[in-house]
Amino acid sequence: MATGTKVSKAKPITTSAPKEPNALDASKKQAIQHWQNIENNADNFPEAFGARLMKLNAEAGYSMAEGAKSTYETLTSWDKFSAATAGLVHTITNPVETF
């Protein structure tokens, strides 16, 4: 290449399609809001306490579902799998940074 020659780099073409709402997130928010409303409108302690437990149960259940979904996506996507593997290797080889 001659000195002073300017090389332009092509920018990648990106399309910004509207993102679909995550059905799991929407369902989780709806379930938590449902039990929160029952707790807020409860007439007595047992009803409020039961609603609080059900809200915590919904949060835990959806968190487990999100974890399973994330694990599935990691195992089925080469990019995510290799990034996770690289992170694990870094954690093992650099324990001082991790802990």
PDB file of N, CA and C in Angstrom:
ATOM      1  N   MET A   1       0.852  -1.164   0.000  1.00  0.00           N
ATOM      2  CA  MET A   1       0.000   0.000   0.000  1.00  0.00           C
ATOM      3  C   MET A   1       0.897   1.225   0.000  1.00  0.00           C
ATOM      4  N   ALA A   2       0.558   2.175  -0.788  1.00  0.00           N
ATOM      5  CA  ALA A   2       1.339   3.404  -0.884  1.00  0.00           C
ATOM      6  C   ALA A   2       1.118   4.257   0.344  1.00  0.00           C
ATOM      7  N   THR A   3       2.149   5.013   0.681  1.00  0.00           N
ATOM      8  CA  THR A   3       2.048   5.895   1.832  1.00  0.00           C
ATOM      9  C   THR A   3       1.037   6.988   1.540  1.00  0.00           C
ATOM     10  N   GLY A   4       0.230   7.292   2.522  1.00  0.00           N
ATOM     11  CA  GLY A   4      -0.752   8.353   2.373  1.00  0.00           C
ATOM     12  C   GLY A   4      -2.066   7.892   1.779  1.00  0.00           C
ATOM     13  N   THR A   5      -2.161   6.624   1.411  1.00  0.00           N
ATOM     14  CA  THR A   5      -3.403   6.113   0.862  1.00  0.00           C
ATOM     15  C   THR A   5      -4.374   5.846   2.002  1.00  0.00           C
ATOM     16  N   LYS A   6      -5.554   6.347   1.862  1.00  0.00           N
ATOM     17  CA  LYS A   6      -6.558   6.190   2.905  1.00  0.00           C
ATOM     18  C   LYS A   6      -7.471   5.020   2.547  1.00  0.00           C
ATOM     19  N   VAL A   7      -7.616   4.110   3.486  1.00  0.00           N
ATOM     20  CA  VAL A   7      -8.479   2.958   3.278  1.00  0.00           C
ATOM     21  C   VAL A   7      -9.733   3.161   4.114  1.00  0.00           C
ATOM     22  N   SER A   8     -10.879   3.077   3.458  1.00  0.00           N
ATOM     23  CA  SER A   8     -12.116   3.221   4.220  1.00  0.00           C
ATOM     24  C   SER A   8     -12.634   1.833   4.583  1.00  0.00           C
ATOM     25  N   LYS A   9     -13.091   1.734   5.793  1.00  0.00           N
ATOM     26  CA  LYS A   9     -13.636   0.469   6.260  1.00  0.00           C
ATOM     27  C   LYS A   9     -15.146   0.514   6.090  1.00  0.00           C
ATOM     28  N   ALA A  10     -15.668  -0.526   5.505  1.00  0.00           N
ATOM     29  CA  ALA A  10     -17.111  -0.597   5.312  1.00  0.00           C
ATOM     30  C   ALA A  10     -17.787  -0.872   6.649  1.00  0.00           C
ATOM     31  N   LYS A  11     -18.852  -0.160   6.878  1.00  0.00           N
ATOM     32  CA  LYS A  11     -19.606  -0.381   8.106  1.00  0.00           C
ATOM     33  C   LYS A  11     -20.593  -1.517   7.866  1.00  0.00           C
ATOM     34  N   PRO A  12     -20.756  -2.390   8.866  1.00  0.00           N
ATOM     35  CA  PRO A  12     -21.711  -3.486   8.685  1.00  0.00           C
ATOM     36  C   PRO A  12     -23.135  -2.954   8.602  1.00  0.00           C
ATOM     37  N   ILE A  13     -23.912  -3.602   7.787  1.00  0.00           N
ATOM     38  CA  ILE A  13     -25.316  -3.213   7.635  1.00  0.00           C
ATOM     39  C   ILE A  13     -26.098  -3.845   8.781  1.00  0.00           C
ATOM     40  N   THR A  14     -26.810  -3.017   9.498  1.00  0.00           N
ATOM     41  CA  THR A  14     -27.619  -3.538  10.592  1.00  0.00           C
ATOM     42  C   THR A  14     -29.064  -3.132  10.378  1.00  0.00           C
ATOM     43  N   THR A  15     -29.933  -4.008  10.751  1.00  0.00           N
ATOM     44  CA  THR A  15     -31.355  -3.683  10.700  1.00  0.00           C
ATOM     45  C   THR A  15     -31.872  -3.694  12.122  1.00  0.00           C
ATOM     46  N   SER A  16     -32.675  -2.737  12.429  1.00  0.00           N
ATOM     47  CA  SER A  16     -33.210  -2.680  13.783  1.00  0.00           C
ATOM     48  C   SER A  16     -34.686  -3.040  13.752  1.00  0.00           C
ATOM     49  N   ALA A  17     -34.915  -4.327  13.741  1.00  0.00           N
ATOM     50  CA  ALA A  17     -36.290  -4.820  13.771  1.00  0.00           C
ATOM     51  C   ALA A  17     -36.842  -4.611  15.176  1.00  0.00           C
ATOM     52  N   PRO A  18     -38.114  -4.348  15.287  1.00  0.00           N
ATOM     53  CA  PRO A  18     -38.675  -4.164  16.624  1.00  0.00           C
ATOM     54  C   PRO A  18     -38.504  -5.434  17.448  1.00  0.00           C
ATOM     55  N   LYS A  19     -38.086  -5.244  18.694  1.00  0.00           N
ATOM     56  CA  LYS A  19     -37.866  -6.376  19.571  1.00  0.00           C
ATOM     57  C   LYS A  19     -39.195  -6.908  20.074  1.00  0.00           C
ATOM     58  N   GLU A  20     -39.317  -8.219  20.026  1.00  0.00           N
ATOM     59  CA  GLU A  20     -40.515  -8.837  20.570  1.00  0.00           C
ATOM     60  C   GLU A  20     -40.392  -8.872  22.084  1.00  0.00           C
ATOM     61  N   PRO A  21     -41.483  -8.596  22.783  1.00  0.00           N
ATOM     62  CA  PRO A  21     -41.404  -8.662  24.235  1.00  0.00           C
ATOM     63  C   PRO A  21     -41.136 -10.094  24.688  1.00  0.00           C
ATOM     64  N   ASN A  22     -40.346 -10.217  25.712  1.00  0.00           N
ATOM     65  CA  ASN A  22     -40.015 -11.520  26.258  1.00  0.00           C
ATOM     66  C   ASN A  22     -41.243 -12.047  27.001  1.00  0.00           C
ATOM     67  N   ALA A  23     -41.802 -13.144  26.517  1.00  0.00           N
ATOM     68  CA  ALA A  23     -43.026 -13.696  27.115  1.00  0.00           C
ATOM     69  C   ALA A  23     -42.800 -14.124  28.555  1.00  0.00           C
ATOM     70  N   LEU A  24     -41.620 -14.639  28.864  1.00  0.00           N
ATOM     71  CA  LEU A  24     -41.322 -15.071  30.226  1.00  0.00           C
ATOM     72  C   LEU A  24     -41.298 -13.882  31.184  1.00  0.00           C
ATOM     73  N   ASP A  25     -40.664 -12.791  30.763  1.00  0.00           N
ATOM     74  CA  ASP A  25     -40.625 -11.587  31.604  1.00  0.00           C
ATOM     75  C   ASP A  25     -42.018 -11.014  31.826  1.00  0.00           C
ATOM     76  N   ALA A  26     -42.791 -10.967  30.773  1.00  0.00           N
ATOM     77  CA  ALA A  26     -44.143 -10.415  30.884  1.00  0.00           C
ATOM     78  C   ALA A  26     -45.003 -11.258  31.823  1.00  0.00           C
ATOM     79  N   SER A  27     -44.890 -12.558  31.702  1.00  0.00           N
ATOM     80  CA  SER A  27     -45.663 -13.454  32.550  1.00  0.00           C
ATOM     81  C   SER A  27     -45.220 -13.341  34.010  1.00  0.00           C
ATOM     82  N   LYS A  28     -43.914 -13.220  34.223  1.00  0.00           N
ATOM     83  CA  LYS A  28     -43.379 -13.082  35.588  1.00  0.00           C
ATOM     84  C   LYS A  28     -43.904 -11.802  36.233  1.00  0.00           C
ATOM     85  N   LYS A  29     -43.838 -10.710  35.511  1.00  0.00           N
ATOM     86  CA  LYS A  29     -44.329  -9.433  36.039  1.00  0.00           C
ATOM     87  C   LYS A  29     -45.816  -9.502  36.358  1.00  0.00           C
ATOM     88  N   GLN A  30     -46.570 -10.150  35.486  1.00  0.00           N
ATOM     89  CA  GLN A  30     -48.008 -10.277  35.692  1.00  0.00           C
ATOM     90  C   GLN A  30     -48.313 -11.107  36.939  1.00  0.00           C
ATOM     91  N   ALA A  31     -47.615 -12.223  37.121  1.00  0.00           N
ATOM     92  CA  ALA A  31     -47.841 -13.082  38.283  1.00  0.00           C
ATOM     93  C   ALA A  31     -47.475 -12.370  39.576  1.00  0.00           C
ATOM     94  N   ILE A  32     -46.333 -11.692  39.572  1.00  0.00           N
ATOM     95  CA  ILE A  32     -45.902 -10.981  40.778  1.00  0.00           C
ATOM     96  C   ILE A  32     -46.877  -9.858  41.107  1.00  0.00           C
ATOM     97  N   GLN A  33     -47.322  -9.135  40.093  1.00  0.00           N
ATOM     98  CA  GLN A  33     -48.276  -8.050  40.320  1.00  0.00           C
ATOM     99  C   GLN A  33     -49.606  -8.593  40.849  1.00  0.00           C
ATOM    100  N   HIS A  34     -50.031  -9.734  40.347  1.00  0.00           N
ATOM    101  CA  HIS A  34     -51.268 -10.358  40.808  1.00  0.00           C
ATOM    102  C   HIS A  34     -51.207 -10.630  42.311  1.00  0.00           C
ATOM    103  N   TRP A  35     -50.128 -11.279  42.759  1.00  0.00           N
ATOM    104  CA  TRP A  35     -50.017 -11.604  44.184  1.00  0.00           C
ATOM    105  C   TRP A  35     -49.767 -10.364  45.028  1.00  0.00           C
ATOM    106  N   GLN A  36     -49.093  -9.370  44.463  1.00  0.00           N
ATOM    107  CA  GLN A  36     -48.895  -8.112  45.195  1.00  0.00           C
ATOM    108  C   GLN A  36     -50.226  -7.416  45.424  1.00  0.00           C
ATOM    109  N   ASN A  37     -51.082  -7.420  44.417  1.00  0.00           N
ATOM    110  CA  ASN A  37     -52.412  -6.812  44.557  1.00  0.00           C
ATOM    111  C   ASN A  37     -53.233  -7.521  45.634  1.00  0.00           C
ATOM    112  N   ILE A  38     -53.167  -8.852  45.648  1.00  0.00           N
ATOM    113  CA  ILE A  38     -53.901  -9.599  46.677  1.00  0.00           C
ATOM    114  C   ILE A  38     -53.355  -9.278  48.058  1.00  0.00           C
ATOM    115  N   GLU A  39     -52.026  -9.210  48.166  1.00  0.00           N
ATOM    116  CA  GLU A  39     -51.426  -8.875  49.465  1.00  0.00           C
ATOM    117  C   GLU A  39     -51.839  -7.472  49.915  1.00  0.00           C
ATOM    118  N   ASN A  40     -51.814  -6.524  49.001  1.00  0.00           N
ATOM    119  CA  ASN A  40     -52.157  -5.141  49.347  1.00  0.00           C
ATOM    120  C   ASN A  40     -53.623  -4.995  49.752  1.00  0.00           C
ATOM    121  N   ASN A  41     -54.491  -5.812  49.187  1.00  0.00           N
ATOM    122  CA  ASN A  41     -55.927  -5.705  49.458  1.00  0.00           C
ATOM    123  C   ASN A  41     -56.427  -6.741  50.460  1.00  0.00           C
ATOM    124  N   ALA A  42     -55.516  -7.439  51.112  1.00  0.00           N
ATOM    125  CA  ALA A  42     -55.917  -8.482  52.060  1.00  0.00           C
ATOM    126  C   ALA A  42     -56.612  -7.865  53.272  1.00  0.00           C
ATOM    127  N   ASP A  43     -57.610  -8.593  53.769  1.00  0.00           N
ATOM    128  CA  ASP A  43     -58.378  -8.136  54.939  1.00  0.00           C
ATOM    129  C   ASP A  43     -57.781  -8.631  56.251  1.00  0.00           C
ATOM    130  N   ASN A  44     -56.916  -9.633  56.184  1.00  0.00           N
ATOM    131  CA  ASN A  44     -56.360 -10.180  57.424  1.00  0.00           C
ATOM    132  C   ASN A  44     -54.935 -10.674  57.188  1.00  0.00           C
ATOM    133  N   PHE A  45     -54.263 -10.965  58.290  1.00  0.00           N
ATOM    134  CA  PHE A  45     -52.861 -11.377  58.214  1.00  0.00           C
ATOM    135  C   PHE A  45     -52.666 -12.684  57.450  1.00  0.00           C
ATOM    136  N   PRO A  46     -53.445 -13.744  57.717  1.00  0.00           N
ATOM    137  CA  PRO A  46     -53.206 -14.993  56.980  1.00  0.00           C
ATOM    138  C   PRO A  46     -53.336 -14.829  55.462  1.00  0.00           C
ATOM    139  N   GLU A  47     -54.287 -14.042  55.039  1.00  0.00           N
ATOM    140  CA  GLU A  47     -54.463 -13.807  53.602  1.00  0.00           C
ATOM    141  C   GLU A  47     -53.264 -13.040  53.034  1.00  0.00           C
ATOM    142  N   ALA A  48     -52.821 -12.013  53.744  1.00  0.00           N
ATOM    143  CA  ALA A  48     -51.666 -11.232  53.296  1.00  0.00           C
ATOM    144  C   ALA A  48     -50.395 -12.077  53.295  1.00  0.00           C
ATOM    145  N   PHE A  49     -50.235 -12.879  54.345  1.00  0.00           N
ATOM    146  CA  PHE A  49     -49.053 -13.729  54.457  1.00  0.00           C
ATOM    147  C   PHE A  49     -49.035 -14.780  53.340  1.00  0.00           C
ATOM    148  N   GLY A  50     -50.191 -15.390  53.070  1.00  0.00           N
ATOM    149  CA  GLY A  50     -50.286 -16.366  51.986  1.00  0.00           C
ATOM    150  C   GLY A  50     -49.964 -15.748  50.635  1.00  0.00           C
ATOM    151  N   ALA A  51     -50.471 -14.541  50.409  1.00  0.00           N
ATOM    152  CA  ALA A  51     -50.182 -13.852  49.149  1.00  0.00           C
ATOM    153  C   ALA A  51     -48.694 -13.532  49.028  1.00  0.00           C
ATOM    154  N   ARG A  52     -48.071 -13.137  50.142  1.00  0.00           N
ATOM    155  CA  ARG A  52     -46.621 -12.855  50.120  1.00  0.00           C
ATOM    156  C   ARG A  52     -45.848 -14.113  49.769  1.00  0.00           C
ATOM    157  N   LEU A  53     -46.234 -15.249  50.362  1.00  0.00           N
ATOM    158  CA  LEU A  53     -45.551 -16.511  50.049  1.00  0.00           C
ATOM    159  C   LEU A  53     -45.746 -16.904  48.588  1.00  0.00           C
ATOM    160  N   MET A  54     -46.931 -16.707  48.074  1.00  0.00           N
ATOM    161  CA  MET A  54     -47.190 -17.037  46.672  1.00  0.00           C
ATOM    162  C   MET A  54     -46.403 -16.119  45.731  1.00  0.00           C
ATOM    163  N   LYS A  55     -46.252 -14.854  46.113  1.00  0.00           N
ATOM    164  CA  LYS A  55     -45.454 -13.926  45.301  1.00  0.00           C
ATOM    165  C   LYS A  55     -43.996 -14.383  45.277  1.00  0.00           C
ATOM    166  N   LEU A  56     -43.463 -14.771  46.443  1.00  0.00           N
ATOM    167  CA  LEU A  56     -42.083 -15.265  46.503  1.00  0.00           C
ATOM    168  C   LEU A  56     -41.932 -16.556  45.700  1.00  0.00           C
ATOM    169  N   ASN A  57     -42.960 -17.406  45.766  1.00  0.00           N
ATOM    170  CA  ASN A  57     -42.962 -18.644  45.000  1.00  0.00           C
ATOM    171  C   ASN A  57     -42.941 -18.342  43.496  1.00  0.00           C
ATOM    172  N   ALA A  58     -43.722 -17.369  43.071  1.00  0.00           N
ATOM    173  CA  ALA A  58     -43.742 -16.984  41.652  1.00  0.00           C
ATOM    174  C   ALA A  58     -42.379 -16.453  41.220  1.00  0.00           C
ATOM    175  N   GLU A  59     -41.771 -15.607  42.049  1.00  0.00           N
ATOM    176  CA  GLU A  59     -40.446 -15.066  41.720  1.00  0.00           C
ATOM    177  C   GLU A  59     -39.422 -16.190  41.588  1.00  0.00           C
ATOM    178  N   ALA A  60     -39.437 -17.132  42.534  1.00  0.00           N
ATOM    179  CA  ALA A  60     -38.481 -18.241  42.494  1.00  0.00           C
ATOM    180  C   ALA A  60     -38.723 -19.136  41.279  1.00  0.00           C
ATOM    181  N   GLY A  61     -39.974 -19.441  41.013  1.00  0.00           N
ATOM    182  CA  GLY A  61     -40.291 -20.304  39.870  1.00  0.00           C
ATOM    183  C   GLY A  61     -39.873 -19.697  38.550  1.00  0.00           C
ATOM    184  N   TYR A  62     -40.158 -18.425  38.372  1.00  0.00           N
ATOM    185  CA  TYR A  62     -39.772 -17.772  37.128  1.00  0.00           C
ATOM    186  C   TYR A  62     -38.259 -17.603  37.033  1.00  0.00           C
ATOM    187  N   SER A  63     -37.589 -17.400  38.155  1.00  0.00           N
ATOM    188  CA  SER A  63     -36.129 -17.315  38.131  1.00  0.00           C
ATOM    189  C   SER A  63     -35.520 -18.649  37.688  1.00  0.00           C
ATOM    190  N   MET A  64     -36.102 -19.748  38.156  1.00  0.00           N
ATOM    191  CA  MET A  64     -35.616 -21.063  37.717  1.00  0.00           C
ATOM    192  C   MET A  64     -35.869 -21.260  36.225  1.00  0.00           C
ATOM    193  N   ALA A  65     -37.020 -20.824  35.750  1.00  0.00           N
ATOM    194  CA  ALA A  65     -37.326 -20.945  34.318  1.00  0.00           C
ATOM    195  C   ALA A  65     -36.370 -20.098  33.486  1.00  0.00           C
ATOM    196  N   GLU A  66     -36.054 -18.896  33.964  1.00  0.00           N
ATOM    197  CA  GLU A  66     -35.100 -18.042  33.252  1.00  0.00           C
ATOM    198  C   GLU A  66     -33.719 -18.685  33.227  1.00  0.00           C
ATOM    199  N   GLY A  67     -33.327 -19.320  34.332  1.00  0.00           N
ATOM    200  CA  GLY A  67     -32.036 -20.013  34.377  1.00  0.00           C
ATOM    201  C   GLY A  67     -31.986 -21.175  33.405  1.00  0.00           C
ATOM    202  N   ALA A  68     -33.069 -21.939  33.344  1.00  0.00           N
ATOM    203  CA  ALA A  68     -33.127 -23.060  32.404  1.00  0.00           C
ATOM    204  C   ALA A  68     -33.075 -22.559  30.963  1.00  0.00           C
ATOM    205  N   LYS A  69     -33.787 -21.477  30.683  1.00  0.00           N
ATOM    206  CA  LYS A  69     -33.786 -20.903  29.336  1.00  0.00           C
ATOM    207  C   LYS A  69     -32.378 -20.418  28.971  1.00  0.00           C
ATOM    208  N   SER A  70     -31.722 -19.750  29.895  1.00  0.00           N
ATOM    209  CA  SER A  70     -30.374 -19.249  29.655  1.00  0.00           C
ATOM    210  C   SER A  70     -29.393 -20.393  29.427  1.00  0.00           C
ATOM    211  N   THR A  71     -29.517 -21.456  30.222  1.00  0.00           N
ATOM    212  CA  THR A  71     -28.649 -22.622  30.046  1.00  0.00           C
ATOM    213  C   THR A  71     -28.869 -23.252  28.678  1.00  0.00           C
ATOM    214  N   TYR A  72     -30.124 -23.393  28.280  1.00  0.00           N
ATOM    215  CA  TYR A  72     -30.438 -23.954  26.967  1.00  0.00           C
ATOM    216  C   TYR A  72     -29.835 -23.099  25.855  1.00  0.00           C
ATOM    217  N   GLU A  73     -30.002 -21.776  25.966  1.00  0.00           N
ATOM    218  CA  GLU A  73     -29.455 -20.882  24.940  1.00  0.00           C
ATOM    219  C   GLU A  73     -27.943 -20.965  24.887  1.00  0.00           C
ATOM    220  N   THR A  74     -27.310 -21.091  26.042  1.00  0.00           N
ATOM    221  CA  THR A  74     -25.847 -21.195  26.081  1.00  0.00           C
ATOM    222  C   THR A  74     -25.379 -22.484  25.423  1.00  0.00           C
ATOM    223  N   LEU A  75     -26.084 -23.563  25.672  1.00  0.00           N
ATOM    224  CA  LEU A  75     -25.680 -24.851  25.115  1.00  0.00           C
ATOM    225  C   LEU A  75     -25.990 -24.991  23.632  1.00  0.00           C
ATOM    226  N   THR A  76     -26.931 -24.234  23.126  1.00  0.00           N
ATOM    227  CA  THR A  76     -27.308 -24.368  21.714  1.00  0.00           C
ATOM    228  C   THR A  76     -26.737 -23.275  20.819  1.00  0.00           C
ATOM    229  N   SER A  77     -26.062 -22.299  21.396  1.00  0.00           N
ATOM    230  CA  SER A  77     -25.452 -21.231  20.610  1.00  0.00           C
ATOM    231  C   SER A  77     -23.934 -21.313  20.763  1.00  0.00           C
ATOM    232  N   TRP A  78     -23.232 -21.508  19.653  1.00  0.00           N
ATOM    233  CA  TRP A  78     -21.779 -21.644  19.724  1.00  0.00           C
ATOM    234  C   TRP A  78     -21.127 -20.388  20.299  1.00  0.00           C
ATOM    235  N   ASP A  79     -21.591 -19.212  19.915  1.00  0.00           N
ATOM    236  CA  ASP A  79     -20.999 -17.974  20.417  1.00  0.00           C
ATOM    237  C   ASP A  79     -21.155 -17.858  21.939  1.00  0.00           C
ATOM    238  N   LYS A  80     -22.356 -18.136  22.429  1.00  0.00           N
ATOM    239  CA  LYS A  80     -22.585 -18.060  23.872  1.00  0.00           C
ATOM    240  C   LYS A  80     -21.818 -19.147  24.611  1.00  0.00           C
ATOM    241  N   PHE A  81     -21.747 -20.333  24.020  1.00  0.00           N
ATOM    242  CA  PHE A  81     -21.033 -21.434  24.651  1.00  0.00           C
ATOM    243  C   PHE A  81     -19.539 -21.129  24.743  1.00  0.00           C
ATOM    244  N   SER A  82     -18.974 -20.616  23.657  1.00  0.00           N
ATOM    245  CA  SER A  82     -17.538 -20.318  23.677  1.00  0.00           C
ATOM    246  C   SER A  82     -17.230 -19.165  24.628  1.00  0.00           C
ATOM    247  N   ALA A  83     -18.125 -18.175  24.721  1.00  0.00           N
ATOM    248  CA  ALA A  83     -17.919 -17.080  25.668  1.00  0.00           C
ATOM    249  C   ALA A  83     -18.002 -17.594  27.106  1.00  0.00           C
ATOM    250  N   ALA A  84     -18.954 -18.475  27.375  1.00  0.00           N
ATOM    251  CA  ALA A  84     -19.084 -19.041  28.721  1.00  0.00           C
ATOM    252  C   ALA A  84     -17.870 -19.891  29.066  1.00  0.00           C
ATOM    253  N   THR A  85     -17.391 -20.666  28.093  1.00  0.00           N
ATOM    254  CA  THR A  85     -16.209 -21.493  28.312  1.00  0.00           C
ATOM    255  C   THR A  85     -14.988 -20.628  28.573  1.00  0.00           C
ATOM    256  N   ALA A  86     -14.830 -19.557  27.802  1.00  0.00           N
ATOM    257  CA  ALA A  86     -13.699 -18.649  28.009  1.00  0.00           C
ATOM    258  C   ALA A  86     -13.781 -18.007  29.388  1.00  0.00           C
ATOM    259  N   GLY A  87     -14.975 -17.635  29.825  1.00  0.00           N
ATOM    260  CA  GLY A  87     -15.142 -17.060  31.159  1.00  0.00           C
ATOM    261  C   GLY A  87     -14.799 -18.058  32.242  1.00  0.00           C
ATOM    262  N   LEU A  88     -15.195 -19.310  32.048  1.00  0.00           N
ATOM    263  CA  LEU A  88     -14.884 -20.354  33.023  1.00  0.00           C
ATOM    264  C   LEU A  88     -13.386 -20.613  33.081  1.00  0.00           C
ATOM    265  N   VAL A  89     -12.748 -20.685  31.926  1.00  0.00           N
ATOM    266  CA  VAL A  89     -11.297 -20.895  31.885  1.00  0.00           C
ATOM    267  C   VAL A  89     -10.587 -19.735  32.572  1.00  0.00           C
ATOM    268  N   HIS A  90     -11.036 -18.520  32.331  1.00  0.00           N
ATOM    269  CA  HIS A  90     -10.427 -17.353  32.981  1.00  0.00           C
ATOM    270  C   HIS A  90     -10.598 -17.433  34.495  1.00  0.00           C
ATOM    271  N   THR A  91     -11.771 -17.848  34.944  1.00  0.00           N
ATOM    272  CA  THR A  91     -12.030 -17.972  36.378  1.00  0.00           C
ATOM    273  C   THR A  91     -11.111 -18.999  37.010  1.00  0.00           C
ATOM    274  N   ILE A  92     -10.922 -20.115  36.339  1.00  0.00           N
ATOM    275  CA  ILE A  92     -10.077 -21.183  36.877  1.00  0.00           C
ATOM    276  C   ILE A  92      -8.604 -20.800  36.871  1.00  0.00           C
ATOM    277  N   THR A  93      -8.175 -20.141  35.808  1.00  0.00           N
ATOM    278  CA  THR A  93      -6.759 -19.804  35.690  1.00  0.00           C
ATOM    279  C   THR A  93      -6.371 -18.529  36.429  1.00  0.00           C
ATOM    280  N   ASN A  94      -7.345 -17.727  36.832  1.00  0.00           N
ATOM    281  CA  ASN A  94      -7.074 -16.486  37.567  1.00  0.00           C
ATOM    282  C   ASN A  94      -7.942 -16.420  38.831  1.00  0.00           C
ATOM    283  N   PRO A  95      -7.761 -17.331  39.766  1.00  0.00           N
ATOM    284  CA  PRO A  95      -8.647 -17.358  40.935  1.00  0.00           C
ATOM    285  C   PRO A  95      -8.534 -16.111  41.814  1.00  0.00           C
ATOM    286  N   VAL A  96      -7.386 -15.457  41.786  1.00  0.00           N
ATOM    287  CA  VAL A  96      -7.217 -14.253  42.609  1.00  0.00           C
ATOM    288  C   VAL A  96      -8.174 -13.165  42.159  1.00  0.00           C
ATOM    289  N   GLU A  97      -8.367 -13.012  40.845  1.00  0.00           N
ATOM    290  CA  GLU A  97      -9.302 -12.019  40.325  1.00  0.00           C
ATOM    291  C   GLU A  97     -10.750 -12.387  40.648  1.00  0.00           C
ATOM    292  N   THR A  98     -11.025 -13.676  40.670  1.00  0.00           N
ATOM    293  CA  THR A  98     -12.392 -14.145  40.892  1.00  0.00           C
ATOM    294  C   THR A  98     -12.796 -14.048  42.356  1.00  0.00           C
ATOM    295  N   PHE A  99     -11.895 -14.471  43.238  1.00  0.00           N
ATOM    296  CA  PHE A  99     -12.227 -14.503  44.660  1.00  0.00           C
ATOM    297  C   PHE A  99     -11.523 -13.403  45.387  1.00  0.00           C
TER     298      PHE A  99
END
